[in-house]
């Protein structure tokens, strides 16, 4: 699966079907690989921080979570991608495939209430999935001893897939740091936990398709997100225009 550079981050040009099949193949063998669905926010955070960029680019599969990323890939590389590969939707595709295969899933991150609601929904919609376990986010970095305990706990659970919802970029750092340590497919899926737990509303389809999901989310969480979108979106537009003019 070929990679394409957008402002320093190496994205995979793929589809929901392709990436789901690839991940399930890895998962059935319990191969330690990572995926992040990286939108503009994560891209610009990586652009601004070389250490973070190195960690993000270590992740095996980086998919274009946002429409602006998809548009940039199509603009610069003429790929003709018809859709982005959105984290919450990728999560559903993967859970559906895991359900058919009877695989086990571990949940890492978020709050107790969100995890409980998410796991309950998974049990209802995907009854053949085995819940290997879960870990509530500490909302801080684990100590070395705690990290070893977490790794042992997940590996002992025999999970095929670990869904990681810790917020960007904490979840990308965690996934990157645990490739080769945890014997499972690790997915940084961000807001998928809140969406599929019913804690947050998703933007209408027409807004998602037209790159306006950020605006919808801003109306839902203005105090938390206004600064992110003001600075990251503006910088992405600036960098994209600059790259267009200098190519």
Protein backbone atom coordinates (compact mmCIF):
# COMPACT_ATOMS: atom_id res chain seq x y z
CA UNK A 1 0.00 0.00 0.00
CA UNK A 2 1.77 3.11 -1.26
CA UNK A 3 2.38 6.16 0.92
CA UNK A 4 2.17 9.83 -0.06
CA UNK A 5 3.66 12.76 1.83
CA UNK A 6 1.38 15.59 2.93
CA UNK A 7 3.29 18.25 4.88
CA UNK A 8 5.68 15.69 6.32
CA UNK A 9 3.25 12.90 7.18
CA UNK A 10 3.23 9.71 5.10
CA UNK A 11 -0.40 8.87 4.29
CA UNK A 12 -1.68 5.64 2.76
CA UNK A 13 -3.96 6.00 -0.24
CA UNK A 14 -6.59 3.36 0.52
CA UNK A 15 -10.28 2.57 0.91
CA UNK A 16 -12.42 1.29 3.76
CA UNK A 17 -12.60 -2.15 2.15
CA UNK A 18 -8.88 -2.43 1.49
CA UNK A 19 -7.68 -1.24 4.90
CA UNK A 20 -10.26 -3.41 6.69
CA UNK A 21 -9.08 -6.51 4.84
CA UNK A 22 -5.44 -5.68 5.56
CA UNK A 23 -6.08 -5.12 9.27
CA UNK A 24 -8.14 -8.29 9.66
CA UNK A 25 -5.34 -10.29 8.03
CA UNK A 26 -2.88 -8.84 10.55
CA UNK A 27 -5.31 -9.32 13.43
CA UNK A 28 -5.95 -13.00 12.75
CA UNK A 29 -2.20 -13.58 13.08
CA UNK A 30 -1.97 -11.22 16.09
CA UNK A 31 0.68 -9.21 14.28
CA UNK A 32 1.80 -6.04 16.03
CA UNK A 33 0.93 -3.23 13.62
CA UNK A 34 -0.59 0.20 14.12
CA UNK A 35 -3.04 2.47 12.36
CA UNK A 36 -4.05 6.07 12.89
CA UNK A 37 -6.87 7.91 11.17
CA UNK A 38 -5.19 11.31 11.08
CA UNK A 39 -7.13 14.48 10.35
CA UNK A 40 -5.85 18.04 9.91
CA UNK A 41 -5.33 18.55 13.65
CA UNK A 42 -2.99 15.57 13.96
CA UNK A 43 -1.19 16.47 10.76
CA UNK A 44 -0.43 20.02 11.89
CA UNK A 45 0.56 18.86 15.38
CA UNK A 46 3.05 16.54 13.67
CA UNK A 47 4.27 19.29 11.34
CA UNK A 48 4.97 21.53 14.34
CA UNK A 49 6.81 18.86 16.36
CA UNK A 50 9.55 16.76 14.76
CA UNK A 51 9.55 14.20 17.58
CA UNK A 52 5.82 13.68 17.22
CA UNK A 53 6.14 13.49 13.43
CA UNK A 54 8.72 10.71 13.79
CA UNK A 55 6.42 8.77 16.09
CA UNK A 56 3.42 9.23 13.80
CA UNK A 57 5.36 8.14 10.72
CA UNK A 58 6.47 5.01 12.58
CA UNK A 59 2.82 3.86 12.56
CA UNK A 60 2.31 1.31 9.79
CA UNK A 61 -0.87 2.73 8.33
CA UNK A 62 -1.83 6.42 8.33
CA UNK A 63 -5.19 6.98 6.67
CA UNK A 64 -6.77 10.30 5.58
CA UNK A 65 -9.40 10.85 8.25
CA UNK A 66 -10.54 14.29 7.04
CA UNK A 67 -11.90 15.44 3.69
CA UNK A 68 -9.20 18.17 3.45
CA UNK A 69 -6.51 15.47 3.66
CA UNK A 70 -8.24 13.49 0.92
CA UNK A 71 -8.52 16.62 -1.23
CA UNK A 72 -4.81 17.36 -0.71
CA UNK A 73 -3.85 13.81 -1.71
CA UNK A 74 -5.96 14.06 -4.84
CA UNK A 75 -4.68 17.56 -5.63
CA UNK A 76 -0.97 16.84 -5.29
CA UNK A 77 -0.85 13.22 -6.45
CA UNK A 78 -3.89 12.89 -8.76
CA UNK A 79 -5.06 9.77 -6.90
CA UNK A 80 -8.77 10.10 -7.57
CA UNK A 81 -9.73 8.97 -4.07
CA UNK A 82 -13.52 8.99 -3.80
CA UNK A 83 -13.73 9.11 -0.03
CA UNK A 84 -11.67 9.73 3.06
CA UNK A 85 -11.02 6.90 5.51
CA UNK A 86 -12.75 8.30 8.58
CA UNK A 87 -11.75 6.86 11.96
CA UNK A 88 -15.25 6.20 13.37
CA UNK A 89 -16.40 4.61 10.11
CA UNK A 90 -13.21 2.55 9.84
CA UNK A 91 -13.92 1.34 13.37
CA UNK A 92 -17.38 0.12 12.36
CA UNK A 93 -16.04 -1.64 9.25
CA UNK A 94 -13.40 -3.36 11.35
CA UNK A 95 -15.85 -4.37 14.06
CA UNK A 96 -18.19 -5.80 11.44
CA UNK A 97 -15.35 -7.85 9.93
CA UNK A 98 -14.14 -8.92 13.37
CA UNK A 99 -17.67 -10.04 14.18
CA UNK A 100 -17.71 -12.32 11.12
CA UNK A 101 -14.36 -13.80 12.12
CA UNK A 102 -15.18 -14.11 15.83
CA UNK A 103 -12.15 -12.05 16.84
CA UNK A 104 -11.50 -10.44 20.22
CA UNK A 105 -11.25 -6.70 20.86
CA UNK A 106 -9.65 -4.74 23.70
CA UNK A 107 -10.61 -1.13 24.50
CA UNK A 108 -7.96 1.27 25.77
CA UNK A 109 -8.70 4.84 26.85
CA UNK A 110 -11.59 7.23 27.51
CA UNK A 111 -13.74 7.35 30.63
CA UNK A 112 -15.54 4.60 32.54
CA UNK A 113 -18.99 5.74 31.36
CA UNK A 114 -17.97 6.09 27.72
CA UNK A 115 -16.25 2.71 27.67
CA UNK A 116 -19.25 1.01 29.28
CA UNK A 117 -21.64 2.51 26.72
CA UNK A 118 -19.34 1.70 23.79
CA UNK A 119 -18.83 -1.91 24.90
CA UNK A 120 -22.57 -2.32 25.45
CA UNK A 121 -23.25 -1.12 21.90
CA UNK A 122 -20.60 -3.47 20.51
CA UNK A 123 -22.17 -6.39 22.38
CA UNK A 124 -25.58 -5.55 20.93
CA UNK A 125 -24.50 -4.93 17.32
CA UNK A 126 -21.64 -7.41 17.03
CA UNK A 127 -22.51 -10.39 19.25
CA UNK A 128 -19.75 -12.66 17.89
CA UNK A 129 -16.98 -10.29 18.98
CA UNK A 130 -15.24 -11.35 22.16
CA UNK A 131 -14.53 -8.49 24.56
CA UNK A 132 -10.96 -9.24 25.62
CA UNK A 133 -10.87 -6.44 28.19
CA UNK A 134 -10.70 -2.71 28.67
CA UNK A 135 -8.57 -0.08 30.33
CA UNK A 136 -9.90 3.30 31.49
CA UNK A 137 -7.60 6.18 30.59
CA UNK A 138 -5.41 7.53 33.39
CA UNK A 139 -5.36 10.89 31.56
CA UNK A 140 -1.63 11.02 32.19
CA UNK A 141 1.41 9.10 31.02
CA UNK A 142 1.80 5.69 32.60
CA UNK A 143 4.82 5.05 34.73
CA UNK A 144 7.26 2.47 33.28
CA UNK A 145 5.89 -0.08 35.75
CA UNK A 146 2.28 0.70 34.85
CA UNK A 147 3.09 0.48 31.15
CA UNK A 148 4.61 -2.97 31.56
CA UNK A 149 1.51 -4.04 33.46
CA UNK A 150 -0.72 -2.71 30.68
CA UNK A 151 1.27 -4.54 28.00
CA UNK A 152 1.15 -7.79 29.97
CA UNK A 153 -2.57 -7.41 30.61
CA UNK A 154 -3.38 -6.85 26.92
CA UNK A 155 -1.12 -9.63 25.66
CA UNK A 156 -2.50 -12.05 28.24
CA UNK A 157 -6.03 -11.23 27.06
CA UNK A 158 -5.14 -12.61 23.59
CA UNK A 159 -6.87 -9.65 21.95
CA UNK A 160 -6.66 -9.53 18.17
CA UNK A 161 -7.49 -5.81 17.99
CA UNK A 162 -6.90 -2.94 20.42
CA UNK A 163 -9.01 0.19 19.90
CA UNK A 164 -7.26 3.22 21.40
CA UNK A 165 -9.23 6.36 22.20
CA UNK A 166 -7.01 8.81 24.06
CA UNK A 167 -7.35 11.95 21.97
CA UNK A 168 -4.87 13.22 19.41
CA UNK A 169 -1.87 13.12 19.64
CA UNK A 170 -1.73 11.06 22.86
CA UNK A 171 -3.27 8.05 21.14
CA UNK A 172 -0.83 8.23 18.21
CA UNK A 173 2.12 8.36 20.61
CA UNK A 174 0.74 5.37 22.52
CA UNK A 175 0.18 3.31 19.39
CA UNK A 176 3.61 4.19 17.99
CA UNK A 177 5.33 3.31 21.27
CA UNK A 178 3.59 -0.08 21.55
CA UNK A 179 4.15 -1.46 18.07
CA UNK A 180 6.31 -4.53 18.60
CA UNK A 181 5.31 -4.77 22.27
CA UNK A 182 1.63 -5.67 22.02
CA UNK A 183 0.69 -8.66 19.89
CA UNK A 184 -2.36 -7.17 18.21
CA UNK A 185 -3.52 -4.60 15.71
CA UNK A 186 -3.49 -1.17 17.42
CA UNK A 187 -5.87 1.50 16.15
CA UNK A 188 -5.86 5.16 17.18
CA UNK A 189 -9.52 5.95 16.54
CA UNK A 190 -10.06 9.14 18.55
CA UNK A 191 -13.64 10.35 18.67
CA UNK A 192 -14.97 6.93 17.63
CA UNK A 193 -15.31 6.05 21.32
CA UNK A 194 -17.54 9.05 22.03
CA UNK A 195 -19.53 8.72 18.81
CA UNK A 196 -20.22 5.00 19.11
CA UNK A 197 -20.95 5.31 22.82
CA UNK A 198 -23.61 7.89 21.98
CA UNK A 199 -21.82 10.61 23.92
CA UNK A 200 -21.27 12.91 20.93
CA UNK A 201 -23.35 13.58 17.83
CA UNK A 202 -21.77 13.09 14.43
CA UNK A 203 -22.04 15.76 11.78
CA UNK A 204 -24.71 15.28 9.09
CA UNK A 205 -23.43 13.42 6.06
CA UNK A 206 -23.57 16.48 3.81
CA UNK A 207 -21.31 18.39 6.21
CA UNK A 208 -18.86 15.48 6.40
CA UNK A 209 -18.75 15.18 2.62
CA UNK A 210 -18.05 18.88 2.19
CA UNK A 211 -15.29 19.15 4.76
CA UNK A 212 -17.45 20.94 7.32
CA UNK A 213 -17.36 18.38 10.10
CA UNK A 214 -14.94 20.62 11.99
CA UNK A 215 -17.61 23.35 12.08
CA UNK A 216 -20.24 20.96 13.42
CA UNK A 217 -17.88 19.69 16.12
CA UNK A 218 -16.98 23.28 16.99
CA UNK A 219 -20.66 24.02 17.66
CA UNK A 220 -20.80 20.95 19.93
CA UNK A 221 -17.64 21.72 21.94
CA UNK A 222 -16.71 25.39 21.33
CA UNK A 223 -14.63 25.93 24.49
CA UNK A 224 -12.46 22.89 23.85
CA UNK A 225 -12.08 23.11 20.08
CA UNK A 226 -12.06 26.77 19.01
CA UNK A 227 -8.34 27.21 19.43
CA UNK A 228 -7.55 23.91 17.68
CA UNK A 229 -9.55 24.78 14.59
CA UNK A 230 -8.50 28.42 14.44
CA UNK A 231 -4.79 27.62 14.35
CA UNK A 232 -4.57 24.15 12.81
CA UNK A 233 -7.06 24.68 9.99
CA UNK A 234 -5.53 28.04 9.08
CA UNK A 235 -2.02 26.61 9.02
CA UNK A 236 -3.11 23.64 6.89
CA UNK A 237 -4.66 26.00 4.32
CA UNK A 238 -1.52 28.16 4.32
CA UNK A 239 0.83 25.18 3.88
CA UNK A 240 -1.32 23.70 1.14
CA UNK A 241 -1.46 26.96 -0.82
CA UNK A 242 2.29 27.43 -0.36
CA UNK A 243 3.01 23.89 -1.59
CA UNK A 244 0.72 24.42 -4.59
CA UNK A 245 2.50 27.63 -5.56
CA UNK A 246 5.99 26.18 -5.18
CA UNK A 247 5.37 22.87 -6.98
